[in-house]
Amino acid sequence: LTGFAHVVCRRPQDGKFLLVHEPAELCGSRQTKYYWPAGRLDPGESFEQAAVRETEEEGGVEIRVVGVLSISIKVSEQRVDVVLLAEPRDDMESCKSVPDFESVGAMWADVTDINHDMEESWFRGTDPLFWFPRVHNGESEVKSIKTTAFKELEQLMRNWTARRGNCGRDLATVLNALRIAYPDVVEEEEEEEEEEEG
């Protein structure tokens, strides 16, 4: 089981979103691409901790997580993706400008500029193009990460990535609790059943 944290970082003072400029080799392209801060959970790490770490590494911004926007469970891939909404701890903090392995740099972008002045091909994936306008327009409800269900998910992923104990038996219980606590947030992709030949 692997976990990935994705960060929609919105600056309250002007509503701009943090975009990361990724190196070409990281996004499997001949050219650099834009994306949001995101990455795999390190061993023993929670989604919240990964979100904070990835945003600082890739965007140069210290954040606080505000809530959860989406929990995507891909059973066939044994993968859980969580989209978190965050804000910079300091509105005046500038984003990353010196390139390194993690990113070429980062910038604060207005959702209107993203929609009208940037082409889809400039992005590593379409997730920011989907979520930024929804958050900007208030179309996505932000759910708390302080629920028992989310805390159990965090603990499960910390244990799983650190290979502590047999976590497989807890997965079904945690997923069921997430479905109840976040009925409009949890998206599931079930394993496809093979059709029997008749």
N, C-alpha and C. Protein backbone atom coordinates (compact mmCIF):
# COMPACT_ATOMS: atom_id res chain seq x y z
N LEU A 1 0.86 -1.19 0.00
CA LEU A 1 0.00 0.00 0.00
C LEU A 1 0.89 1.24 0.00
N THR A 2 0.64 2.14 -0.93
CA THR A 2 1.41 3.38 -0.98
C THR A 2 0.45 4.57 -0.84
N GLY A 3 0.97 5.65 -0.30
CA GLY A 3 0.17 6.85 -0.13
C GLY A 3 0.85 8.04 -0.77
N PHE A 4 0.04 8.91 -1.36
CA PHE A 4 0.55 10.13 -1.99
C PHE A 4 -0.25 11.33 -1.48
N ALA A 5 0.47 12.36 -1.07
CA ALA A 5 -0.17 13.60 -0.62
C ALA A 5 -0.09 14.63 -1.74
N HIS A 6 -1.20 15.30 -2.00
CA HIS A 6 -1.29 16.36 -3.02
C HIS A 6 -1.76 17.63 -2.32
N VAL A 7 -1.15 18.76 -2.65
CA VAL A 7 -1.42 19.98 -1.90
C VAL A 7 -1.97 21.11 -2.78
N VAL A 8 -3.18 21.54 -2.44
CA VAL A 8 -3.74 22.77 -3.01
C VAL A 8 -3.43 23.86 -2.00
N CYS A 9 -2.39 24.64 -2.27
CA CYS A 9 -1.97 25.69 -1.35
C CYS A 9 -2.47 27.03 -1.86
N ARG A 10 -3.36 27.63 -1.10
CA ARG A 10 -3.99 28.91 -1.49
C ARG A 10 -3.60 30.00 -0.50
N ARG A 11 -3.14 31.13 -1.04
CA ARG A 11 -2.72 32.25 -0.21
C ARG A 11 -3.94 33.13 0.10
N PRO A 12 -4.34 33.24 1.36
CA PRO A 12 -5.58 33.96 1.71
C PRO A 12 -5.60 35.42 1.29
N GLN A 13 -4.45 36.10 1.33
CA GLN A 13 -4.44 37.54 1.08
C GLN A 13 -4.88 37.92 -0.33
N ASP A 14 -4.60 37.05 -1.32
CA ASP A 14 -4.98 37.37 -2.69
C ASP A 14 -5.62 36.20 -3.44
N GLY A 15 -5.77 35.06 -2.77
CA GLY A 15 -6.41 33.91 -3.39
C GLY A 15 -5.58 33.20 -4.43
N LYS A 16 -4.28 33.50 -4.50
CA LYS A 16 -3.43 32.85 -5.49
C LYS A 16 -3.01 31.46 -5.02
N PHE A 17 -2.72 30.59 -6.00
CA PHE A 17 -2.36 29.21 -5.73
C PHE A 17 -0.89 28.97 -6.02
N LEU A 18 -0.30 28.05 -5.26
CA LEU A 18 1.11 27.73 -5.43
C LEU A 18 1.29 26.70 -6.54
N LEU A 19 2.08 27.06 -7.54
CA LEU A 19 2.43 26.15 -8.64
C LEU A 19 3.91 25.85 -8.55
N VAL A 20 4.25 24.58 -8.73
CA VAL A 20 5.64 24.15 -8.72
C VAL A 20 6.09 23.90 -10.16
N HIS A 21 7.29 24.35 -10.47
CA HIS A 21 7.87 24.16 -11.80
C HIS A 21 8.81 22.96 -11.70
N GLU A 22 8.39 21.82 -12.25
CA GLU A 22 9.13 20.58 -12.06
C GLU A 22 10.17 20.34 -13.15
N PRO A 23 11.31 19.75 -12.77
CA PRO A 23 12.33 19.41 -13.78
C PRO A 23 11.77 18.41 -14.78
N ALA A 24 12.26 18.46 -16.00
CA ALA A 24 11.76 17.60 -17.07
C ALA A 24 11.88 16.12 -16.73
N GLU A 25 13.02 15.73 -16.13
CA GLU A 25 13.23 14.31 -15.85
C GLU A 25 12.26 13.77 -14.79
N LEU A 26 11.80 14.64 -13.90
CA LEU A 26 10.85 14.19 -12.87
C LEU A 26 9.46 13.98 -13.43
N CYS A 27 9.10 14.74 -14.45
CA CYS A 27 7.74 14.60 -15.00
C CYS A 27 7.73 13.83 -16.32
N GLY A 28 8.83 13.13 -16.62
CA GLY A 28 8.86 12.28 -17.80
C GLY A 28 8.64 13.03 -19.10
N SER A 29 9.26 14.17 -19.22
CA SER A 29 9.05 15.02 -20.40
C SER A 29 10.39 15.58 -20.87
N ARG A 30 10.36 16.17 -22.06
CA ARG A 30 11.57 16.84 -22.57
C ARG A 30 11.64 18.27 -22.07
N GLN A 31 10.58 18.72 -21.45
CA GLN A 31 10.55 20.10 -20.95
C GLN A 31 9.99 20.13 -19.54
N THR A 32 10.28 21.20 -18.83
CA THR A 32 9.75 21.35 -17.48
C THR A 32 8.24 21.52 -17.54
N LYS A 33 7.57 21.13 -16.48
CA LYS A 33 6.11 21.24 -16.43
C LYS A 33 5.68 21.80 -15.09
N TYR A 34 4.46 22.32 -15.05
CA TYR A 34 3.91 22.83 -13.80
C TYR A 34 3.04 21.78 -13.13
N TYR A 35 3.00 21.82 -11.82
CA TYR A 35 2.13 20.94 -11.05
C TYR A 35 1.95 21.56 -9.67
N TRP A 36 1.27 20.86 -8.80
CA TRP A 36 1.17 21.32 -7.41
C TRP A 36 2.14 20.51 -6.57
N PRO A 37 2.44 20.94 -5.35
CA PRO A 37 3.31 20.14 -4.49
C PRO A 37 2.67 18.78 -4.23
N ALA A 38 3.42 17.73 -4.41
CA ALA A 38 2.89 16.38 -4.23
C ALA A 38 4.02 15.38 -4.09
N GLY A 39 3.72 14.26 -3.45
CA GLY A 39 4.73 13.22 -3.36
C GLY A 39 4.31 12.05 -2.50
N ARG A 40 5.10 11.00 -2.60
CA ARG A 40 4.87 9.75 -1.85
C ARG A 40 5.20 9.94 -0.38
N LEU A 41 4.44 9.28 0.47
CA LEU A 41 4.72 9.31 1.90
C LEU A 41 6.03 8.58 2.18
N ASP A 42 6.89 9.19 2.98
CA ASP A 42 8.11 8.55 3.44
C ASP A 42 7.77 7.54 4.53
N PRO A 43 8.66 6.59 4.83
CA PRO A 43 8.38 5.62 5.89
C PRO A 43 8.01 6.27 7.22
N GLY A 44 6.88 5.84 7.79
CA GLY A 44 6.43 6.36 9.07
C GLY A 44 5.78 7.73 9.01
N GLU A 45 5.54 8.24 7.80
CA GLU A 45 5.02 9.60 7.62
C GLU A 45 3.51 9.60 7.39
N SER A 46 2.84 10.63 7.85
CA SER A 46 1.40 10.80 7.63
C SER A 46 1.18 11.65 6.38
N PHE A 47 -0.07 11.71 5.91
CA PHE A 47 -0.38 12.55 4.75
C PHE A 47 -0.12 14.02 5.07
N GLU A 48 -0.50 14.44 6.26
CA GLU A 48 -0.29 15.83 6.66
C GLU A 48 1.21 16.16 6.69
N GLN A 49 2.00 15.27 7.28
CA GLN A 49 3.44 15.51 7.34
C GLN A 49 4.07 15.54 5.95
N ALA A 50 3.61 14.64 5.08
CA ALA A 50 4.13 14.61 3.71
C ALA A 50 3.77 15.89 2.96
N ALA A 51 2.56 16.39 3.18
CA ALA A 51 2.12 17.62 2.53
C ALA A 51 3.00 18.80 2.94
N VAL A 52 3.28 18.89 4.23
CA VAL A 52 4.13 19.97 4.73
C VAL A 52 5.54 19.86 4.15
N ARG A 53 6.09 18.64 4.18
CA ARG A 53 7.46 18.42 3.68
C ARG A 53 7.56 18.70 2.18
N GLU A 54 6.65 18.13 1.40
CA GLU A 54 6.72 18.30 -0.06
C GLU A 54 6.56 19.77 -0.47
N THR A 55 5.67 20.48 0.19
CA THR A 55 5.45 21.90 -0.16
C THR A 55 6.68 22.74 0.14
N GLU A 56 7.36 22.41 1.24
CA GLU A 56 8.57 23.16 1.56
C GLU A 56 9.71 22.78 0.61
N GLU A 57 9.84 21.48 0.30
CA GLU A 57 10.91 21.05 -0.59
C GLU A 57 10.72 21.56 -2.01
N GLU A 58 9.50 21.44 -2.52
CA GLU A 58 9.25 21.78 -3.93
C GLU A 58 8.88 23.24 -4.14
N GLY A 59 8.20 23.83 -3.16
CA GLY A 59 7.73 25.21 -3.33
C GLY A 59 8.40 26.24 -2.46
N GLY A 60 9.18 25.77 -1.46
CA GLY A 60 9.86 26.71 -0.58
C GLY A 60 8.95 27.44 0.38
N VAL A 61 7.76 26.87 0.63
CA VAL A 61 6.77 27.54 1.47
C VAL A 61 6.38 26.64 2.64
N GLU A 62 6.40 27.22 3.84
CA GLU A 62 5.91 26.50 5.02
C GLU A 62 4.40 26.66 5.08
N ILE A 63 3.70 25.55 5.28
CA ILE A 63 2.23 25.59 5.25
C ILE A 63 1.61 25.04 6.52
N ARG A 64 0.32 25.30 6.64
CA ARG A 64 -0.51 24.60 7.61
C ARG A 64 -1.67 24.02 6.82
N VAL A 65 -1.99 22.78 7.11
CA VAL A 65 -3.06 22.10 6.40
C VAL A 65 -4.41 22.53 6.97
N VAL A 66 -5.32 22.94 6.09
CA VAL A 66 -6.64 23.44 6.48
C VAL A 66 -7.67 22.32 6.51
N GLY A 67 -7.57 21.38 5.57
CA GLY A 67 -8.56 20.30 5.51
C GLY A 67 -8.31 19.39 4.32
N VAL A 68 -9.24 18.45 4.13
CA VAL A 68 -9.11 17.48 3.05
C VAL A 68 -10.17 17.74 1.98
N LEU A 69 -9.76 17.64 0.72
CA LEU A 69 -10.66 17.85 -0.42
C LEU A 69 -11.07 16.53 -1.07
N SER A 70 -10.15 15.56 -1.08
CA SER A 70 -10.43 14.31 -1.78
C SER A 70 -9.57 13.18 -1.21
N ILE A 71 -10.18 12.00 -1.13
CA ILE A 71 -9.46 10.78 -0.77
C ILE A 71 -9.77 9.77 -1.86
N SER A 72 -8.75 9.40 -2.61
CA SER A 72 -8.92 8.48 -3.73
C SER A 72 -8.25 7.14 -3.41
N ILE A 73 -9.05 6.08 -3.48
CA ILE A 73 -8.55 4.75 -3.15
C ILE A 73 -8.56 3.90 -4.41
N LYS A 74 -7.37 3.47 -4.82
CA LYS A 74 -7.25 2.62 -6.01
C LYS A 74 -6.85 1.23 -5.55
N VAL A 75 -7.85 0.38 -5.40
CA VAL A 75 -7.63 -0.96 -4.86
C VAL A 75 -6.67 -1.75 -5.74
N SER A 76 -6.85 -1.68 -7.06
CA SER A 76 -6.03 -2.48 -7.98
C SER A 76 -4.56 -2.10 -7.91
N GLU A 77 -4.27 -0.84 -7.56
CA GLU A 77 -2.89 -0.37 -7.47
C GLU A 77 -2.38 -0.34 -6.04
N GLN A 78 -3.25 -0.68 -5.08
CA GLN A 78 -2.89 -0.60 -3.65
C GLN A 78 -2.34 0.79 -3.34
N ARG A 79 -3.14 1.81 -3.72
CA ARG A 79 -2.68 3.19 -3.61
C ARG A 79 -3.78 4.09 -3.04
N VAL A 80 -3.38 5.01 -2.17
CA VAL A 80 -4.30 6.00 -1.61
C VAL A 80 -3.73 7.38 -1.89
N ASP A 81 -4.52 8.23 -2.57
CA ASP A 81 -4.13 9.62 -2.84
C ASP A 81 -5.04 10.55 -2.06
N VAL A 82 -4.45 11.49 -1.35
CA VAL A 82 -5.22 12.46 -0.58
C VAL A 82 -4.88 13.86 -1.04
N VAL A 83 -5.92 14.63 -1.39
CA VAL A 83 -5.74 16.04 -1.78
C VAL A 83 -6.09 16.89 -0.57
N LEU A 84 -5.12 17.67 -0.13
CA LEU A 84 -5.30 18.51 1.06
C LEU A 84 -5.28 19.99 0.69
N LEU A 85 -6.10 20.77 1.37
CA LEU A 85 -6.08 22.22 1.20
C LEU A 85 -5.17 22.80 2.28
N ALA A 86 -4.31 23.73 1.88
CA ALA A 86 -3.37 24.31 2.82
C ALA A 86 -3.22 25.80 2.58
N GLU A 87 -2.63 26.47 3.57
CA GLU A 87 -2.33 27.90 3.47
C GLU A 87 -0.90 28.12 3.93
N PRO A 88 -0.22 29.15 3.40
CA PRO A 88 1.13 29.44 3.90
C PRO A 88 1.06 29.95 5.33
N ARG A 89 2.03 29.58 6.14
CA ARG A 89 2.06 30.08 7.52
C ARG A 89 2.33 31.58 7.55
N ASP A 90 3.04 32.05 6.53
CA ASP A 90 3.36 33.48 6.43
C ASP A 90 2.96 33.95 5.03
N ASP A 91 1.95 34.82 4.96
CA ASP A 91 1.45 35.32 3.68
C ASP A 91 2.52 36.07 2.89
N MET A 92 3.49 36.61 3.59
CA MET A 92 4.51 37.43 2.94
C MET A 92 5.72 36.61 2.48
N GLU A 93 5.74 35.31 2.82
CA GLU A 93 6.87 34.47 2.45
C GLU A 93 6.92 34.27 0.94
N SER A 94 8.10 34.47 0.37
CA SER A 94 8.24 34.25 -1.07
C SER A 94 8.46 32.76 -1.33
N CYS A 95 8.10 32.32 -2.52
CA CYS A 95 8.26 30.90 -2.84
C CYS A 95 9.65 30.64 -3.42
N LYS A 96 9.93 29.40 -3.69
CA LYS A 96 11.25 28.94 -4.10
C LYS A 96 11.69 29.56 -5.43
N SER A 97 12.94 30.00 -5.48
CA SER A 97 13.46 30.61 -6.70
C SER A 97 14.80 30.00 -7.15
N VAL A 98 15.41 29.17 -6.30
CA VAL A 98 16.68 28.55 -6.64
C VAL A 98 16.44 27.08 -7.01
N PRO A 99 16.76 26.68 -8.24
CA PRO A 99 16.50 25.31 -8.68
C PRO A 99 17.32 24.28 -7.91
N ASP A 100 16.73 23.10 -7.72
CA ASP A 100 17.44 21.95 -7.18
C ASP A 100 16.76 20.68 -7.71
N PHE A 101 17.09 19.53 -7.14
CA PHE A 101 16.52 18.28 -7.62
C PHE A 101 15.00 18.23 -7.47
N GLU A 102 14.47 18.87 -6.43
CA GLU A 102 13.04 18.79 -6.15
C GLU A 102 12.20 19.59 -7.14
N SER A 103 12.70 20.76 -7.55
CA SER A 103 11.96 21.60 -8.50
C SER A 103 12.86 22.68 -9.08
N VAL A 104 12.39 23.24 -10.19
CA VAL A 104 13.10 24.35 -10.82
C VAL A 104 12.80 25.63 -10.07
N GLY A 105 11.63 25.68 -9.45
CA GLY A 105 11.18 26.84 -8.71
C GLY A 105 9.69 26.74 -8.49
N ALA A 106 9.10 27.82 -8.01
CA ALA A 106 7.65 27.85 -7.77
C ALA A 106 7.15 29.27 -7.95
N MET A 107 5.83 29.41 -8.05
CA MET A 107 5.24 30.74 -8.19
C MET A 107 3.81 30.75 -7.67
N TRP A 108 3.36 31.93 -7.30
CA TRP A 108 1.96 32.13 -6.92
C TRP A 108 1.21 32.56 -8.17
N ALA A 109 0.12 31.85 -8.49
CA ALA A 109 -0.61 32.13 -9.73
C ALA A 109 -2.09 32.35 -9.46
N ASP A 110 -2.64 33.32 -10.13
CA ASP A 110 -4.07 33.60 -10.06
C ASP A 110 -4.82 32.58 -10.90
N VAL A 111 -5.97 32.13 -10.40
CA VAL A 111 -6.72 31.09 -11.11
C VAL A 111 -7.15 31.56 -12.50
N THR A 112 -7.42 32.85 -12.66
CA THR A 112 -7.80 33.39 -13.97
C THR A 112 -6.63 33.29 -14.95
N ASP A 113 -5.43 33.62 -14.47
CA ASP A 113 -4.25 33.51 -15.33
C ASP A 113 -3.99 32.06 -15.73
N ILE A 114 -4.19 31.15 -14.78
CA ILE A 114 -3.98 29.72 -15.07
C ILE A 114 -4.95 29.26 -16.15
N ASN A 115 -6.22 29.66 -16.02
CA ASN A 115 -7.25 29.22 -16.96
C ASN A 115 -7.10 29.84 -18.35
N HIS A 116 -6.66 31.10 -18.40
CA HIS A 116 -6.66 31.82 -19.68
C HIS A 116 -5.28 31.95 -20.33
N ASP A 117 -4.23 31.96 -19.52
CA ASP A 117 -2.90 32.23 -20.08
C ASP A 117 -1.96 31.03 -20.11
N MET A 118 -2.40 29.92 -19.52
CA MET A 118 -1.53 28.74 -19.48
C MET A 118 -2.21 27.58 -20.21
N GLU A 119 -1.46 26.88 -21.01
CA GLU A 119 -2.01 25.76 -21.77
C GLU A 119 -1.94 24.47 -20.95
N GLU A 120 -2.89 23.57 -21.21
CA GLU A 120 -2.93 22.31 -20.49
C GLU A 120 -1.64 21.52 -20.67
N SER A 121 -1.01 21.64 -21.83
CA SER A 121 0.23 20.91 -22.12
C SER A 121 1.40 21.38 -21.26
N TRP A 122 1.24 22.53 -20.61
CA TRP A 122 2.29 23.04 -19.74
C TRP A 122 2.31 22.34 -18.39
N PHE A 123 1.26 21.54 -18.12
CA PHE A 123 1.11 20.91 -16.82
C PHE A 123 1.45 19.43 -16.88
N ARG A 124 2.03 18.93 -15.81
CA ARG A 124 2.35 17.50 -15.70
C ARG A 124 1.08 16.66 -15.65
N GLY A 125 0.04 17.20 -15.03
CA GLY A 125 -1.27 16.55 -14.94
C GLY A 125 -2.34 17.60 -14.83
N THR A 126 -3.60 17.20 -14.99
CA THR A 126 -4.69 18.18 -15.00
C THR A 126 -5.29 18.44 -13.62
N ASP A 127 -4.77 17.80 -12.59
CA ASP A 127 -5.34 17.98 -11.25
C ASP A 127 -5.44 19.45 -10.81
N PRO A 128 -4.37 20.24 -10.95
CA PRO A 128 -4.50 21.66 -10.56
C PRO A 128 -5.57 22.40 -11.37
N LEU A 129 -5.69 22.06 -12.65
CA LEU A 129 -6.67 22.73 -13.50
C LEU A 129 -8.10 22.38 -13.07
N PHE A 130 -8.27 21.23 -12.45
CA PHE A 130 -9.58 20.83 -11.95
C PHE A 130 -9.85 21.43 -10.58
N TRP A 131 -8.90 21.32 -9.65
CA TRP A 131 -9.14 21.71 -8.27
C TRP A 131 -9.03 23.21 -7.99
N PHE A 132 -8.08 23.90 -8.62
CA PHE A 132 -7.91 25.32 -8.31
C PHE A 132 -9.19 26.13 -8.55
N PRO A 133 -9.84 25.99 -9.72
CA PRO A 133 -11.09 26.76 -9.92
C PRO A 133 -12.19 26.36 -8.94
N ARG A 134 -12.29 25.07 -8.61
CA ARG A 134 -13.32 24.61 -7.68
C ARG A 134 -13.13 25.21 -6.29
N VAL A 135 -11.89 25.26 -5.85
CA VAL A 135 -11.59 25.86 -4.54
C VAL A 135 -11.82 27.37 -4.61
N HIS A 136 -11.36 27.99 -5.68
CA HIS A 136 -11.51 29.43 -5.86
C HIS A 136 -12.97 29.86 -5.84
N ASN A 137 -13.82 29.06 -6.49
CA ASN A 137 -15.24 29.39 -6.60
C ASN A 137 -16.08 28.85 -5.44
N GLY A 138 -15.45 28.20 -4.48
CA GLY A 138 -16.17 27.65 -3.34
C GLY A 138 -17.05 26.46 -3.68
N GLU A 139 -16.69 25.74 -4.75
CA GLU A 139 -17.48 24.60 -5.19
C GLU A 139 -17.09 23.29 -4.50
N SER A 140 -15.99 23.30 -3.77
CA SER A 140 -15.54 22.09 -3.08
C SER A 140 -15.59 22.31 -1.58
N GLU A 141 -16.30 21.44 -0.90
CA GLU A 141 -16.39 21.54 0.55
C GLU A 141 -15.12 20.98 1.17
N VAL A 142 -14.55 21.74 2.08
CA VAL A 142 -13.34 21.32 2.77
C VAL A 142 -13.73 20.57 4.03
N LYS A 143 -13.26 19.34 4.14
CA LYS A 143 -13.59 18.50 5.30
C LYS A 143 -12.44 18.51 6.29
N SER A 144 -12.77 18.32 7.55
CA SER A 144 -11.77 18.33 8.62
C SER A 144 -10.86 17.09 8.55
N ILE A 145 -9.61 17.29 8.95
CA ILE A 145 -8.70 16.15 9.08
C ILE A 145 -8.63 15.71 10.54
N LYS A 146 -9.46 16.30 11.37
CA LYS A 146 -9.45 15.99 12.80
C LYS A 146 -10.43 14.89 13.17
N THR A 147 -11.05 14.25 12.19
CA THR A 147 -12.00 13.18 12.47
C THR A 147 -11.26 11.90 12.89
N THR A 148 -11.97 11.05 13.60
CA THR A 148 -11.39 9.77 14.00
C THR A 148 -11.00 8.94 12.79
N ALA A 149 -11.85 8.97 11.74
CA ALA A 149 -11.60 8.18 10.54
C ALA A 149 -10.30 8.61 9.86
N PHE A 150 -10.07 9.93 9.75
CA PHE A 150 -8.85 10.39 9.09
C PHE A 150 -7.63 10.10 9.95
N LYS A 151 -7.77 10.25 11.26
CA LYS A 151 -6.65 9.93 12.17
C LYS A 151 -6.28 8.45 12.05
N GLU A 152 -7.29 7.60 11.89
CA GLU A 152 -7.02 6.16 11.74
C GLU A 152 -6.32 5.87 10.40
N LEU A 153 -6.71 6.61 9.37
CA LEU A 153 -6.03 6.47 8.07
C LEU A 153 -4.57 6.88 8.21
N GLU A 154 -4.34 8.01 8.88
CA GLU A 154 -2.98 8.50 9.07
C GLU A 154 -2.13 7.46 9.83
N GLN A 155 -2.70 6.88 10.88
CA GLN A 155 -1.97 5.89 11.68
C GLN A 155 -1.70 4.64 10.87
N LEU A 156 -2.70 4.21 10.09
CA LEU A 156 -2.54 3.04 9.24
C LEU A 156 -1.39 3.24 8.25
N MET A 157 -1.35 4.42 7.59
CA MET A 157 -0.32 4.68 6.60
C MET A 157 1.06 4.81 7.25
N ARG A 158 1.12 5.40 8.45
CA ARG A 158 2.41 5.49 9.15
C ARG A 158 2.94 4.08 9.45
N ASN A 159 2.04 3.23 9.95
CA ASN A 159 2.44 1.85 10.28
C ASN A 159 2.81 1.08 9.02
N TRP A 160 2.00 1.25 7.97
CA TRP A 160 2.22 0.49 6.74
C TRP A 160 3.54 0.86 6.09
N THR A 161 3.79 2.18 5.95
CA THR A 161 5.02 2.62 5.29
C THR A 161 6.26 2.31 6.12
N ALA A 162 6.08 2.22 7.43
CA ALA A 162 7.21 1.87 8.31
C ALA A 162 7.31 0.37 8.51
N ARG A 163 6.37 -0.38 7.88
CA ARG A 163 6.33 -1.84 7.96
C ARG A 163 6.24 -2.33 9.40
N ARG A 164 5.34 -1.68 10.17
CA ARG A 164 5.13 -2.08 11.56
C ARG A 164 3.87 -2.93 11.66
N GLY A 165 4.01 -4.20 11.91
CA GLY A 165 2.87 -5.07 12.13
C GLY A 165 2.13 -5.45 10.86
N ASN A 166 1.07 -6.23 11.03
CA ASN A 166 0.22 -6.67 9.92
C ASN A 166 -0.93 -5.68 9.78
N CYS A 167 -0.78 -4.75 8.85
CA CYS A 167 -1.77 -3.68 8.69
C CYS A 167 -2.92 -4.08 7.76
N GLY A 168 -2.75 -5.18 7.02
CA GLY A 168 -3.75 -5.57 6.05
C GLY A 168 -5.13 -5.77 6.64
N ARG A 169 -5.17 -6.33 7.85
CA ARG A 169 -6.46 -6.60 8.47
C ARG A 169 -7.19 -5.32 8.87
N ASP A 170 -6.42 -4.22 9.05
CA ASP A 170 -7.03 -2.95 9.46
C ASP A 170 -7.53 -2.12 8.29
N LEU A 171 -7.07 -2.44 7.08
CA LEU A 171 -7.39 -1.62 5.92
C LEU A 171 -8.88 -1.53 5.65
N ALA A 172 -9.57 -2.66 5.64
CA ALA A 172 -11.01 -2.68 5.36
C ALA A 172 -11.78 -1.86 6.39
N THR A 173 -11.39 -1.97 7.65
CA THR A 173 -12.06 -1.22 8.72
C THR A 173 -11.88 0.28 8.55
N VAL A 174 -10.66 0.69 8.23
CA VAL A 174 -10.36 2.11 8.04
C VAL A 174 -11.09 2.66 6.82
N LEU A 175 -11.10 1.92 5.73
CA LEU A 175 -11.78 2.37 4.52
C LEU A 175 -13.27 2.52 4.74
N ASN A 176 -13.85 1.60 5.50
CA ASN A 176 -15.28 1.70 5.80
C ASN A 176 -15.58 2.94 6.64
N ALA A 177 -14.72 3.22 7.61
CA ALA A 177 -14.90 4.43 8.44
C ALA A 177 -14.78 5.70 7.60
N LEU A 178 -13.86 5.69 6.61
CA LEU A 178 -13.70 6.85 5.73
C LEU A 178 -14.94 7.07 4.88
N ARG A 179 -15.53 5.98 4.38
CA ARG A 179 -16.75 6.09 3.56
C ARG A 179 -17.88 6.74 4.35
N ILE A 180 -17.97 6.43 5.62
CA ILE A 180 -19.04 6.98 6.47
C ILE A 180 -18.75 8.44 6.82
N ALA A 181 -17.50 8.74 7.18
CA ALA A 181 -17.14 10.10 7.61
C ALA A 181 -17.05 11.09 6.46
N TYR A 182 -16.67 10.59 5.28
CA TYR A 182 -16.48 11.46 4.11
C TYR A 182 -17.24 10.92 2.90
N PRO A 183 -18.56 10.85 2.96
CA PRO A 183 -19.32 10.23 1.86
C PRO A 183 -19.16 10.94 0.51
N ASP A 184 -18.92 12.25 0.53
CA ASP A 184 -18.79 12.99 -0.73
C ASP A 184 -17.34 13.23 -1.14
N VAL A 185 -16.41 12.70 -0.36
CA VAL A 185 -15.00 12.97 -0.58
C VAL A 185 -14.25 11.72 -1.06
N VAL A 186 -14.64 10.57 -0.55
CA VAL A 186 -13.94 9.33 -0.88
C VAL A 186 -14.34 8.83 -2.26
N GLU A 187 -13.34 8.63 -3.10
CA GLU A 187 -13.55 8.06 -4.44
C GLU A 187 -12.84 6.72 -4.47
N GLU A 188 -13.54 5.71 -4.97
CA GLU A 188 -12.95 4.38 -5.00
C GLU A 188 -12.92 3.83 -6.41
N GLU A 189 -11.83 3.19 -6.71
CA GLU A 189 -11.69 2.49 -7.99
C GLU A 189 -11.53 1.02 -7.64
N GLU A 190 -12.57 0.25 -7.89
CA GLU A 190 -12.56 -1.16 -7.54
C GLU A 190 -11.76 -1.97 -8.56
N GLU A 191 -11.29 -3.13 -8.11
CA GLU A 191 -10.61 -4.05 -9.03
C GLU A 191 -11.60 -4.59 -10.04
N GLU A 192 -11.17 -4.62 -11.29
CA GLU A 192 -12.07 -5.13 -12.33
C GLU A 192 -12.09 -6.65 -12.28
N GLU A 193 -13.31 -7.19 -12.31
CA GLU A 193 -13.45 -8.63 -12.29
C GLU A 193 -13.30 -9.18 -13.70
N GLU A 194 -12.57 -10.27 -13.80
CA GLU A 194 -12.40 -10.89 -15.11
C GLU A 194 -13.67 -11.60 -15.52
N GLU A 195 -14.08 -11.37 -16.76
CA GLU A 195 -15.29 -12.00 -17.25
C GLU A 195 -14.99 -13.47 -17.57
N GLU A 196 -15.91 -14.30 -17.13
CA GLU A 196 -15.74 -15.72 -17.41
C GLU A 196 -16.16 -16.02 -18.84
N GLU A 197 -15.35 -16.82 -19.48
CA GLU A 197 -15.69 -17.20 -20.86
C GLU A 197 -16.74 -18.29 -20.83
N GLY A 198 -17.81 -18.16 -21.65
CA GLY A 198 -18.91 -19.11 -21.61
C GLY A 198 -18.99 -20.02 -22.77
